[in-house]
Amino acid sequence: MAITINEFWKLAIESQLIAAEDAAKLAHTFATSNPGVTAVEELARFLVGTKLTPYQAKILLAGRPGPFVYGDYVIYERIETGRMAGIFRALHRSTGHRVCLMFL
């Protein structure tokens, strides 16, 4: 299922990865620097490295808002998958420490 640019922005805000105010500014910057571009993949590429990681962009492009936020932690990469578990790299918001989170 392909999503639109507007749907991508809504998912990015819903996922708590981008604040609504920042999204509005970024949307304006993207629209002015890429006039006529309607491919949501181009928007994702524009945001990767500054606001999103490749993993986060991939999930948003799939039409899902995450979850990326667990308490004080923001997931930025999935490093292992399993039938009943997953291991993710995350960042502690207030300290900036990088951690691994394991979900069973």
PDB file of N, CA and C in Angstrom:
ATOM      1  N   MET A   1       0.833  -1.179   0.000  1.00  0.00           N
ATOM      2  CA  MET A   1       0.000   0.000   0.000  1.00  0.00           C
ATOM      3  C   MET A   1       0.880   1.245   0.000  1.00  0.00           C
ATOM      4  N   ALA A   2       0.796   2.021  -1.030  1.00  0.00           N
ATOM      5  CA  ALA A   2       1.567   3.255  -1.127  1.00  0.00           C
ATOM      6  C   ALA A   2       0.847   4.366  -0.364  1.00  0.00           C
ATOM      7  N   ILE A   3       1.616   5.153   0.358  1.00  0.00           N
ATOM      8  CA  ILE A   3       1.027   6.252   1.100  1.00  0.00           C
ATOM      9  C   ILE A   3       1.378   7.565   0.418  1.00  0.00           C
ATOM     10  N   THR A   4       0.634   8.599   0.742  1.00  0.00           N
ATOM     11  CA  THR A   4       0.886   9.922   0.177  1.00  0.00           C
ATOM     12  C   THR A   4       1.836  10.699   1.078  1.00  0.00           C
ATOM     13  N   ILE A   5       2.291  11.824   0.575  1.00  0.00           N
ATOM     14  CA  ILE A   5       3.176  12.678   1.367  1.00  0.00           C
ATOM     15  C   ILE A   5       2.448  13.181   2.612  1.00  0.00           C
ATOM     16  N   ASN A   6       1.183  13.569   2.473  1.00  0.00           N
ATOM     17  CA  ASN A   6       0.416  14.029   3.641  1.00  0.00           C
ATOM     18  C   ASN A   6       0.267  12.928   4.675  1.00  0.00           C
ATOM     19  N   GLU A   7       0.004  11.709   4.235  1.00  0.00           N
ATOM     20  CA  GLU A   7      -0.107  10.586   5.168  1.00  0.00           C
ATOM     21  C   GLU A   7       1.227  10.322   5.862  1.00  0.00           C
ATOM     22  N   PHE A   8       2.335  10.461   5.131  1.00  0.00           N
ATOM     23  CA  PHE A   8       3.653  10.274   5.717  1.00  0.00           C
ATOM     24  C   PHE A   8       3.895  11.284   6.835  1.00  0.00           C
ATOM     25  N   TRP A   9       3.551  12.554   6.589  1.00  0.00           N
ATOM     26  CA  TRP A   9       3.711  13.572   7.631  1.00  0.00           C
ATOM     27  C   TRP A   9       2.865  13.237   8.852  1.00  0.00           C
ATOM     28  N   LYS A  10       1.623  12.810   8.632  1.00  0.00           N
ATOM     29  CA  LYS A  10       0.746  12.444   9.760  1.00  0.00           C
ATOM     30  C   LYS A  10       1.339  11.298  10.569  1.00  0.00           C
ATOM     31  N   LEU A  11       1.874  10.294   9.892  1.00  0.00           N
ATOM     32  CA  LEU A  11       2.498   9.164  10.587  1.00  0.00           C
ATOM     33  C   LEU A  11       3.737   9.605  11.363  1.00  0.00           C
ATOM     34  N   ALA A  12       4.541  10.480  10.779  1.00  0.00           N
ATOM     35  CA  ALA A  12       5.756  10.958  11.455  1.00  0.00           C
ATOM     36  C   ALA A  12       5.402  11.722  12.727  1.00  0.00           C
ATOM     37  N   ILE A  13       4.333  12.494  12.686  1.00  0.00           N
ATOM     38  CA  ILE A  13       3.885  13.233  13.878  1.00  0.00           C
ATOM     39  C   ILE A  13       3.279  12.274  14.894  1.00  0.00           C
ATOM     40  N   GLU A  14       2.426  11.366  14.436  1.00  0.00           N
ATOM     41  CA  GLU A  14       1.791  10.387  15.321  1.00  0.00           C
ATOM     42  C   GLU A  14       2.825   9.502  16.018  1.00  0.00           C
ATOM     43  N   SER A  15       3.906   9.202  15.330  1.00  0.00           N
ATOM     44  CA  SER A  15       4.941   8.328  15.881  1.00  0.00           C
ATOM     45  C   SER A  15       5.799   9.038  16.930  1.00  0.00           C
ATOM     46  N   GLN A  16       5.635  10.333  17.075  1.00  0.00           N
ATOM     47  CA  GLN A  16       6.391  11.176  18.008  1.00  0.00           C
ATOM     48  C   GLN A  16       7.854  11.341  17.598  1.00  0.00           C
ATOM     49  N   LEU A  17       8.160  11.073  16.345  1.00  0.00           N
ATOM     50  CA  LEU A  17       9.519  11.269  15.852  1.00  0.00           C
ATOM     51  C   LEU A  17       9.762  12.710  15.427  1.00  0.00           C
ATOM     52  N   ILE A  18       8.707  13.379  14.967  1.00  0.00           N
ATOM     53  CA  ILE A  18       8.806  14.762  14.522  1.00  0.00           C
ATOM     54  C   ILE A  18       7.649  15.527  15.149  1.00  0.00           C
ATOM     55  N   ALA A  19       7.954  16.639  15.787  1.00  0.00           N
ATOM     56  CA  ALA A  19       6.916  17.493  16.371  1.00  0.00           C
ATOM     57  C   ALA A  19       6.133  18.166  15.254  1.00  0.00           C
ATOM     58  N   ALA A  20       4.888  18.477  15.521  1.00  0.00           N
ATOM     59  CA  ALA A  20       4.024  19.079  14.498  1.00  0.00           C
ATOM     60  C   ALA A  20       4.600  20.387  13.968  1.00  0.00           C
ATOM     61  N   GLU A  21       5.175  21.209  14.847  1.00  0.00           N
ATOM     62  CA  GLU A  21       5.750  22.483  14.417  1.00  0.00           C
ATOM     63  C   GLU A  21       6.953  22.245  13.489  1.00  0.00           C
ATOM     64  N   ASP A  22       7.791  21.288  13.863  1.00  0.00           N
ATOM     65  CA  ASP A  22       8.942  20.951  13.020  1.00  0.00           C
ATOM     66  C   ASP A  22       8.488  20.380  11.682  1.00  0.00           C
ATOM     67  N   ALA A  23       7.435  19.579  11.704  1.00  0.00           N
ATOM     68  CA  ALA A  23       6.928  18.984  10.463  1.00  0.00           C
ATOM     69  C   ALA A  23       6.471  20.062   9.495  1.00  0.00           C
ATOM     70  N   ALA A  24       5.804  21.074  10.013  1.00  0.00           N
ATOM     71  CA  ALA A  24       5.330  22.163   9.143  1.00  0.00           C
ATOM     72  C   ALA A  24       6.512  22.888   8.502  1.00  0.00           C
ATOM     73  N   LYS A  25       7.553  23.161   9.290  1.00  0.00           N
ATOM     74  CA  LYS A  25       8.739  23.840   8.756  1.00  0.00           C
ATOM     75  C   LYS A  25       9.461  22.963   7.738  1.00  0.00           C
ATOM     76  N   LEU A  26       9.614  21.686   8.072  1.00  0.00           N
ATOM     77  CA  LEU A  26      10.290  20.758   7.162  1.00  0.00           C
ATOM     78  C   LEU A  26       9.497  20.559   5.869  1.00  0.00           C
ATOM     79  N   ALA A  27       8.165  20.505   5.993  1.00  0.00           N
ATOM     80  CA  ALA A  27       7.322  20.351   4.803  1.00  0.00           C
ATOM     81  C   ALA A  27       7.514  21.540   3.867  1.00  0.00           C
ATOM     82  N   HIS A  28       7.583  22.733   4.431  1.00  0.00           N
ATOM     83  CA  HIS A  28       7.798  23.928   3.617  1.00  0.00           C
ATOM     84  C   HIS A  28       9.182  23.886   2.951  1.00  0.00           C
ATOM     85  N   THR A  29      10.202  23.518   3.729  1.00  0.00           N
ATOM     86  CA  THR A  29      11.559  23.429   3.184  1.00  0.00           C
ATOM     87  C   THR A  29      11.631  22.403   2.064  1.00  0.00           C
ATOM     88  N   PHE A  30      11.003  21.235   2.280  1.00  0.00           N
ATOM     89  CA  PHE A  30      11.017  20.188   1.257  1.00  0.00           C
ATOM     90  C   PHE A  30      10.296  20.658  -0.004  1.00  0.00           C
ATOM     91  N   ALA A  31       9.129  21.284   0.169  1.00  0.00           N
ATOM     92  CA  ALA A  31       8.347  21.719  -0.990  1.00  0.00           C
ATOM     93  C   ALA A  31       9.081  22.786  -1.796  1.00  0.00           C
ATOM     94  N   THR A  32       9.777  23.701  -1.118  1.00  0.00           N
ATOM     95  CA  THR A  32      10.470  24.759  -1.854  1.00  0.00           C
ATOM     96  C   THR A  32      11.767  24.270  -2.497  1.00  0.00           C
ATOM     97  N   SER A  33      12.431  23.309  -1.862  1.00  0.00           N
ATOM     98  CA  SER A  33      13.688  22.816  -2.443  1.00  0.00           C
ATOM     99  C   SER A  33      13.473  21.692  -3.453  1.00  0.00           C
ATOM    100  N   ASN A  34      12.265  21.117  -3.472  1.00  0.00           N
ATOM    101  CA  ASN A  34      11.945  20.032  -4.415  1.00  0.00           C
ATOM    102  C   ASN A  34      10.593  20.299  -5.075  1.00  0.00           C
ATOM    103  N   PRO A  35      10.486  21.377  -5.850  1.00  0.00           N
ATOM    104  CA  PRO A  35       9.183  21.704  -6.434  1.00  0.00           C
ATOM    105  C   PRO A  35       8.690  20.617  -7.391  1.00  0.00           C
ATOM    106  N   GLY A  36       7.418  20.292  -7.240  1.00  0.00           N
ATOM    107  CA  GLY A  36       6.808  19.312  -8.131  1.00  0.00           C
ATOM    108  C   GLY A  36       7.042  17.868  -7.756  1.00  0.00           C
ATOM    109  N   VAL A  37       7.837  17.596  -6.740  1.00  0.00           N
ATOM    110  CA  VAL A  37       8.097  16.211  -6.340  1.00  0.00           C
ATOM    111  C   VAL A  37       6.903  15.696  -5.543  1.00  0.00           C
ATOM    112  N   THR A  38       6.358  14.569  -5.988  1.00  0.00           N
ATOM    113  CA  THR A  38       5.205  13.976  -5.299  1.00  0.00           C
ATOM    114  C   THR A  38       5.507  12.587  -4.767  1.00  0.00           C
ATOM    115  N   ALA A  39       6.712  12.097  -4.961  1.00  0.00           N
ATOM    116  CA  ALA A  39       7.080  10.762  -4.496  1.00  0.00           C
ATOM    117  C   ALA A  39       7.433  10.814  -3.013  1.00  0.00           C
ATOM    118  N   VAL A  40       6.712  10.037  -2.240  1.00  0.00           N
ATOM    119  CA  VAL A  40       6.932  10.014  -0.795  1.00  0.00           C
ATOM    120  C   VAL A  40       8.312   9.464  -0.450  1.00  0.00           C
ATOM    121  N   GLU A  41       8.854   8.634  -1.310  1.00  0.00           N
ATOM    122  CA  GLU A  41      10.203   8.105  -1.088  1.00  0.00           C
ATOM    123  C   GLU A  41      11.252   9.226  -1.100  1.00  0.00           C
ATOM    124  N   GLU A  42      11.028  10.236  -1.927  1.00  0.00           N
ATOM    125  CA  GLU A  42      11.943  11.389  -1.970  1.00  0.00           C
ATOM    126  C   GLU A  42      11.880  12.162  -0.655  1.00  0.00           C
ATOM    127  N   LEU A  43      10.691  12.295  -0.094  1.00  0.00           N
ATOM    128  CA  LEU A  43      10.535  12.952   1.199  1.00  0.00           C
ATOM    129  C   LEU A  43      11.265  12.160   2.276  1.00  0.00           C
ATOM    130  N   ALA A  44      11.132  10.843   2.255  1.00  0.00           N
ATOM    131  CA  ALA A  44      11.817  10.002   3.239  1.00  0.00           C
ATOM    132  C   ALA A  44      13.323  10.172   3.122  1.00  0.00           C
ATOM    133  N   ARG A  45      13.842  10.191   1.901  1.00  0.00           N
ATOM    134  CA  ARG A  45      15.285  10.392   1.699  1.00  0.00           C
ATOM    135  C   ARG A  45      15.731  11.763   2.223  1.00  0.00           C
ATOM    136  N   PHE A  46      14.880  12.765   2.038  1.00  0.00           N
ATOM    137  CA  PHE A  46      15.158  14.119   2.517  1.00  0.00           C
ATOM    138  C   PHE A  46      15.283  14.143   4.043  1.00  0.00           C
ATOM    139  N   LEU A  47      14.472  13.339   4.727  1.00  0.00           N
ATOM    140  CA  LEU A  47      14.458  13.354   6.192  1.00  0.00           C
ATOM    141  C   LEU A  47      15.477  12.416   6.839  1.00  0.00           C
ATOM    142  N   VAL A  48      15.911  11.392   6.102  1.00  0.00           N
ATOM    143  CA  VAL A  48      16.882  10.445   6.670  1.00  0.00           C
ATOM    144  C   VAL A  48      18.208  11.160   6.896  1.00  0.00           C
ATOM    145  N   GLY A  49      18.726  10.976   8.083  1.00  0.00           N
ATOM    146  CA  GLY A  49      19.989  11.597   8.441  1.00  0.00           C
ATOM    147  C   GLY A  49      19.831  12.861   9.253  1.00  0.00           C
ATOM    148  N   THR A  50      18.699  13.535   9.105  1.00  0.00           N
ATOM    149  CA  THR A  50      18.466  14.735   9.906  1.00  0.00           C
ATOM    150  C   THR A  50      17.401  14.500  10.963  1.00  0.00           C
ATOM    151  N   LYS A  51      16.296  13.905  10.587  1.00  0.00           N
ATOM    152  CA  LYS A  51      15.201  13.671  11.529  1.00  0.00           C
ATOM    153  C   LYS A  51      14.857  12.200  11.701  1.00  0.00           C
ATOM    154  N   LEU A  52      15.158  11.381  10.696  1.00  0.00           N
ATOM    155  CA  LEU A  52      14.795   9.962  10.738  1.00  0.00           C
ATOM    156  C   LEU A  52      16.005   9.089  10.440  1.00  0.00           C
ATOM    157  N   THR A  53      15.921   7.855  10.894  1.00  0.00           N
ATOM    158  CA  THR A  53      16.911   6.854  10.508  1.00  0.00           C
ATOM    159  C   THR A  53      16.328   6.052   9.348  1.00  0.00           C
ATOM    160  N   PRO A  54      17.151   5.306   8.615  1.00  0.00           N
ATOM    161  CA  PRO A  54      16.609   4.473   7.537  1.00  0.00           C
ATOM    162  C   PRO A  54      15.542   3.491   8.042  1.00  0.00           C
ATOM    163  N   TYR A  55      15.739   2.918   9.238  1.00  0.00           N
ATOM    164  CA  TYR A  55      14.750   1.984   9.795  1.00  0.00           C
ATOM    165  C   TYR A  55      13.423   2.693  10.045  1.00  0.00           C
ATOM    166  N   GLN A  56      13.464   3.865  10.654  1.00  0.00           N
ATOM    167  CA  GLN A  56      12.237   4.606  10.934  1.00  0.00           C
ATOM    168  C   GLN A  56      11.519   4.987   9.639  1.00  0.00           C
ATOM    169  N   ALA A  57      12.276   5.433   8.643  1.00  0.00           N
ATOM    170  CA  ALA A  57      11.679   5.800   7.354  1.00  0.00           C
ATOM    171  C   ALA A  57      11.010   4.595   6.702  1.00  0.00           C
ATOM    172  N   LYS A  58      11.659   3.441   6.780  1.00  0.00           N
ATOM    173  CA  LYS A  58      11.102   2.224   6.184  1.00  0.00           C
ATOM    174  C   LYS A  58       9.755   1.865   6.821  1.00  0.00           C
ATOM    175  N   ILE A  59       9.671   1.967   8.139  1.00  0.00           N
ATOM    176  CA  ILE A  59       8.421   1.648   8.838  1.00  0.00           C
ATOM    177  C   ILE A  59       7.337   2.658   8.475  1.00  0.00           C
ATOM    178  N   LEU A  60       7.680   3.942   8.444  1.00  0.00           N
ATOM    179  CA  LEU A  60       6.700   4.971   8.081  1.00  0.00           C
ATOM    180  C   LEU A  60       6.234   4.801   6.640  1.00  0.00           C
ATOM    181  N   LEU A  61       7.151   4.463   5.732  1.00  0.00           N
ATOM    182  CA  LEU A  61       6.771   4.249   4.332  1.00  0.00           C
ATOM    183  C   LEU A  61       5.836   3.053   4.178  1.00  0.00           C
ATOM    184  N   ALA A  62       5.919   2.116   5.114  1.00  0.00           N
ATOM    185  CA  ALA A  62       5.016   0.960   5.092  1.00  0.00           C
ATOM    186  C   ALA A  62       3.634   1.320   5.623  1.00  0.00           C
ATOM    187  N   GLY A  63       3.460   2.564   6.080  1.00  0.00           N
ATOM    188  CA  GLY A  63       2.153   3.015   6.549  1.00  0.00           C
ATOM    189  C   GLY A  63       1.902   2.747   8.023  1.00  0.00           C
ATOM    190  N   ARG A  64       2.977   2.511   8.773  1.00  0.00           N
ATOM    191  CA  ARG A  64       2.817   2.241  10.211  1.00  0.00           C
ATOM    192  C   ARG A  64       3.533   3.339  11.009  1.00  0.00           C
ATOM    193  N   PRO A  65       2.930   3.772  12.136  1.00  0.00           N
ATOM    194  CA  PRO A  65       3.551   4.825  12.938  1.00  0.00           C
ATOM    195  C   PRO A  65       4.526   4.308  13.990  1.00  0.00           C
ATOM    196  N   GLY A  66       4.976   3.117  13.872  1.00  0.00           N
ATOM    197  CA  GLY A  66       5.925   2.568  14.850  1.00  0.00           C
ATOM    198  C   GLY A  66       5.326   1.370  15.553  1.00  0.00           C
ATOM    199  N   PRO A  67       5.495   1.253  16.823  1.00  0.00           N
ATOM    200  CA  PRO A  67       5.897   2.247  17.820  1.00  0.00           C
ATOM    201  C   PRO A  67       7.406   2.427  17.873  1.00  0.00           C
ATOM    202  N   PHE A  68       7.810   3.671  18.077  1.00  0.00           N
ATOM    203  CA  PHE A  68       9.217   4.002  18.190  1.00  0.00           C
ATOM    204  C   PHE A  68       9.585   4.501  19.579  1.00  0.00           C
ATOM    205  N   VAL A  69       8.608   4.972  20.336  1.00  0.00           N
ATOM    206  CA  VAL A  69       8.869   5.564  21.640  1.00  0.00           C
ATOM    207  C   VAL A  69       8.366   4.641  22.737  1.00  0.00           C
ATOM    208  N   TYR A  70       9.267   4.290  23.636  1.00  0.00           N
ATOM    209  CA  TYR A  70       8.938   3.482  24.810  1.00  0.00           C
ATOM    210  C   TYR A  70       9.467   4.220  26.030  1.00  0.00           C
ATOM    211  N   GLY A  71       8.590   4.895  26.730  1.00  0.00           N
ATOM    212  CA  GLY A  71       9.020   5.681  27.885  1.00  0.00           C
ATOM    213  C   GLY A  71      10.001   6.754  27.464  1.00  0.00           C
ATOM    214  N   ASP A  72      11.201   6.705  28.020  1.00  0.00           N
ATOM    215  CA  ASP A  72      12.231   7.698  27.706  1.00  0.00           C
ATOM    216  C   ASP A  72      13.128   7.279  26.554  1.00  0.00           C
ATOM    217  N   TYR A  73      12.789   6.192  25.873  1.00  0.00           N
ATOM    218  CA  TYR A  73      13.652   5.649  24.823  1.00  0.00           C
ATOM    219  C   TYR A  73      13.007   5.792  23.450  1.00  0.00           C
ATOM    220  N   VAL A  74      13.844   6.116  22.462  1.00  0.00           N
ATOM    221  CA  VAL A  74      13.395   6.225  21.075  1.00  0.00           C
ATOM    222  C   VAL A  74      14.169   5.192  20.259  1.00  0.00           C
ATOM    223  N   ILE A  75      13.442   4.275  19.653  1.00  0.00           N
ATOM    224  CA  ILE A  75      14.063   3.231  18.833  1.00  0.00           C
ATOM    225  C   ILE A  75      14.499   3.818  17.494  1.00  0.00           C
ATOM    226  N   TYR A  76      15.744   3.506  17.117  1.00  0.00           N
ATOM    227  CA  TYR A  76      16.221   3.996  15.828  1.00  0.00           C
ATOM    228  C   TYR A  76      16.691   2.895  14.882  1.00  0.00           C
ATOM    229  N   GLU A  77      16.803   1.643  15.371  1.00  0.00           N
ATOM    230  CA  GLU A  77      17.233   0.570  14.480  1.00  0.00           C
ATOM    231  C   GLU A  77      16.830  -0.780  15.060  1.00  0.00           C
ATOM    232  N   ARG A  78      16.439  -1.677  14.205  1.00  0.00           N
ATOM    233  CA  ARG A  78      16.174  -3.063  14.614  1.00  0.00           C
ATOM    234  C   ARG A  78      17.404  -3.881  14.254  1.00  0.00           C
ATOM    235  N   ILE A  79      17.955  -4.595  15.255  1.00  0.00           N
ATOM    236  CA  ILE A  79      19.186  -5.333  14.979  1.00  0.00           C
ATOM    237  C   ILE A  79      18.991  -6.835  14.960  1.00  0.00           C
ATOM    238  N   GLU A  80      17.873  -7.314  15.485  1.00  0.00           N
ATOM    239  CA  GLU A  80      17.622  -8.750  15.433  1.00  0.00           C
ATOM    240  C   GLU A  80      16.123  -8.984  15.498  1.00  0.00           C
ATOM    241  N   THR A  81      15.679  -9.959  14.729  1.00  0.00           N
ATOM    242  CA  THR A  81      14.273 -10.333  14.765  1.00  0.00           C
ATOM    243  C   THR A  81      14.162 -11.793  15.156  1.00  0.00           C
ATOM    244  N   GLY A  82      13.037 -12.106  15.665  1.00  0.00           N
ATOM    245  CA  GLY A  82      12.771 -13.488  16.024  1.00  0.00           C
ATOM    246  C   GLY A  82      11.285 -13.712  16.042  1.00  0.00           C
ATOM    247  N   ARG A  83      10.916 -14.951  16.152  1.00  0.00           N
ATOM    248  CA  ARG A  83       9.493 -15.271  16.149  1.00  0.00           C
ATOM    249  C   ARG A  83       8.777 -14.648  17.334  1.00  0.00           C
ATOM    250  N   MET A  84       9.428 -14.632  18.476  1.00  0.00           N
ATOM    251  CA  MET A  84       8.766 -14.140  19.675  1.00  0.00           C
ATOM    252  C   MET A  84       9.519 -12.971  20.325  1.00  0.00           C
ATOM    253  N   ALA A  85      10.538 -12.432  19.665  1.00  0.00           N
ATOM    254  CA  ALA A  85      11.311 -11.361  20.288  1.00  0.00           C
ATOM    255  C   ALA A  85      11.954 -10.478  19.233  1.00  0.00           C
ATOM    256  N   GLY A  86      12.442  -9.349  19.689  1.00  0.00           N
ATOM    257  CA  GLY A  86      13.192  -8.458  18.825  1.00  0.00           C
ATOM    258  C   GLY A  86      14.166  -7.650  19.651  1.00  0.00           C
ATOM    259  N   ILE A  87      15.299  -7.322  19.061  1.00  0.00           N
ATOM    260  CA  ILE A  87      16.281  -6.485  19.731  1.00  0.00           C
ATOM    261  C   ILE A  87      16.432  -5.213  18.901  1.00  0.00           C
ATOM    262  N   PHE A  88      16.381  -4.082  19.595  1.00  0.00           N
ATOM    263  CA  PHE A  88      16.402  -2.784  18.944  1.00  0.00           C
ATOM    264  C   PHE A  88      17.461  -1.897  19.566  1.00  0.00           C
ATOM    265  N   ARG A  89      18.064  -1.046  18.745  1.00  0.00           N
ATOM    266  CA  ARG A  89      18.930   0.006  19.263  1.00  0.00           C
ATOM    267  C   ARG A  89      18.030   1.201  19.546  1.00  0.00           C
ATOM    268  N   ALA A  90      18.289   1.837  20.680  1.00  0.00           N
ATOM    269  CA  ALA A  90      17.472   2.979  21.079  1.00  0.00           C
ATOM    270  C   ALA A  90      18.352   4.045  21.709  1.00  0.00           C
ATOM    271  N   LEU A  91      17.784   5.217  21.828  1.00  0.00           N
ATOM    272  CA  LEU A  91      18.467   6.352  22.412  1.00  0.00           C
ATOM    273  C   LEU A  91      17.652   6.832  23.602  1.00  0.00           C
ATOM    274  N   HIS A  92      18.311   7.015  24.757  1.00  0.00           N
ATOM    275  CA  HIS A  92      17.640   7.567  25.926  1.00  0.00           C
ATOM    276  C   HIS A  92      17.511   9.067  25.696  1.00  0.00           C
ATOM    277  N   ARG A  93      16.280   9.581  25.735  1.00  0.00           N
ATOM    278  CA  ARG A  93      16.041  10.970  25.346  1.00  0.00           C
ATOM    279  C   ARG A  93      16.802  11.983  26.187  1.00  0.00           C
ATOM    280  N   SER A  94      16.752  11.855  27.503  1.00  0.00           N
ATOM    281  CA  SER A  94      17.330  12.910  28.339  1.00  0.00           C
ATOM    282  C   SER A  94      18.853  12.829  28.459  1.00  0.00           C
ATOM    283  N   THR A  95      19.424  11.639  28.421  1.00  0.00           N
ATOM    284  CA  THR A  95      20.875  11.518  28.593  1.00  0.00           C
ATOM    285  C   THR A  95      21.620  11.340  27.277  1.00  0.00           C
ATOM    286  N   GLY A  96      20.933  10.876  26.244  1.00  0.00           N
ATOM    287  CA  GLY A  96      21.577  10.637  24.962  1.00  0.00           C
ATOM    288  C   GLY A  96      22.323   9.312  24.907  1.00  0.00           C
ATOM    289  N   HIS A  97      22.206   8.503  25.959  1.00  0.00           N
ATOM    290  CA  HIS A  97      22.885   7.196  25.964  1.00  0.00           C
ATOM    291  C   HIS A  97      22.248   6.255  24.960  1.00  0.00           C
ATOM    292  N   ARG A  98      23.074   5.513  24.265  1.00  0.00           N
ATOM    293  CA  ARG A  98      22.606   4.504  23.329  1.00  0.00           C
ATOM    294  C   ARG A  98      22.491   3.193  24.082  1.00  0.00           C
ATOM    295  N   VAL A  99      21.371   2.500  23.892  1.00  0.00           N
ATOM    296  CA  VAL A  99      21.098   1.244  24.591  1.00  0.00           C
ATOM    297  C   VAL A  99      20.506   0.243  23.605  1.00  0.00           C
ATOM    298  N   CYS A 100      20.416  -0.992  24.037  1.00  0.00           N
ATOM    299  CA  CYS A 100      19.680  -2.020  23.305  1.00  0.00           C
ATOM    300  C   CYS A 100      18.456  -2.375  24.125  1.00  0.00           C
ATOM    301  N   LEU A 101      17.340  -2.494  23.471  1.00  0.00           N
ATOM    302  CA  LEU A 101      16.100  -2.907  24.118  1.00  0.00           C
ATOM    303  C   LEU A 101      15.704  -4.255  23.540  1.00  0.00           C
ATOM    304  N   MET A 102      15.346  -5.174  24.414  1.00  0.00           N
ATOM    305  CA  MET A 102      14.910  -6.497  23.965  1.00  0.00           C
ATOM    306  C   MET A 102      13.465  -6.669  24.382  1.00  0.00           C
ATOM    307  N   PHE A 103      12.642  -7.011  23.405  1.00  0.00           N
ATOM    308  CA  PHE A 103      11.230  -7.241  23.668  1.00  0.00           C
ATOM    309  C   PHE A 103      10.928  -8.715  23.475  1.00  0.00           C
ATOM    310  N   LEU A 104      10.276  -9.294  24.450  1.00  0.00           N
ATOM    311  CA  LEU A 104       9.901 -10.708  24.383  1.00  0.00           C
ATOM    312  C   LEU A 104       8.430 -10.826  24.058  1.00  0.00           C
TER     313      LEU A 104
END
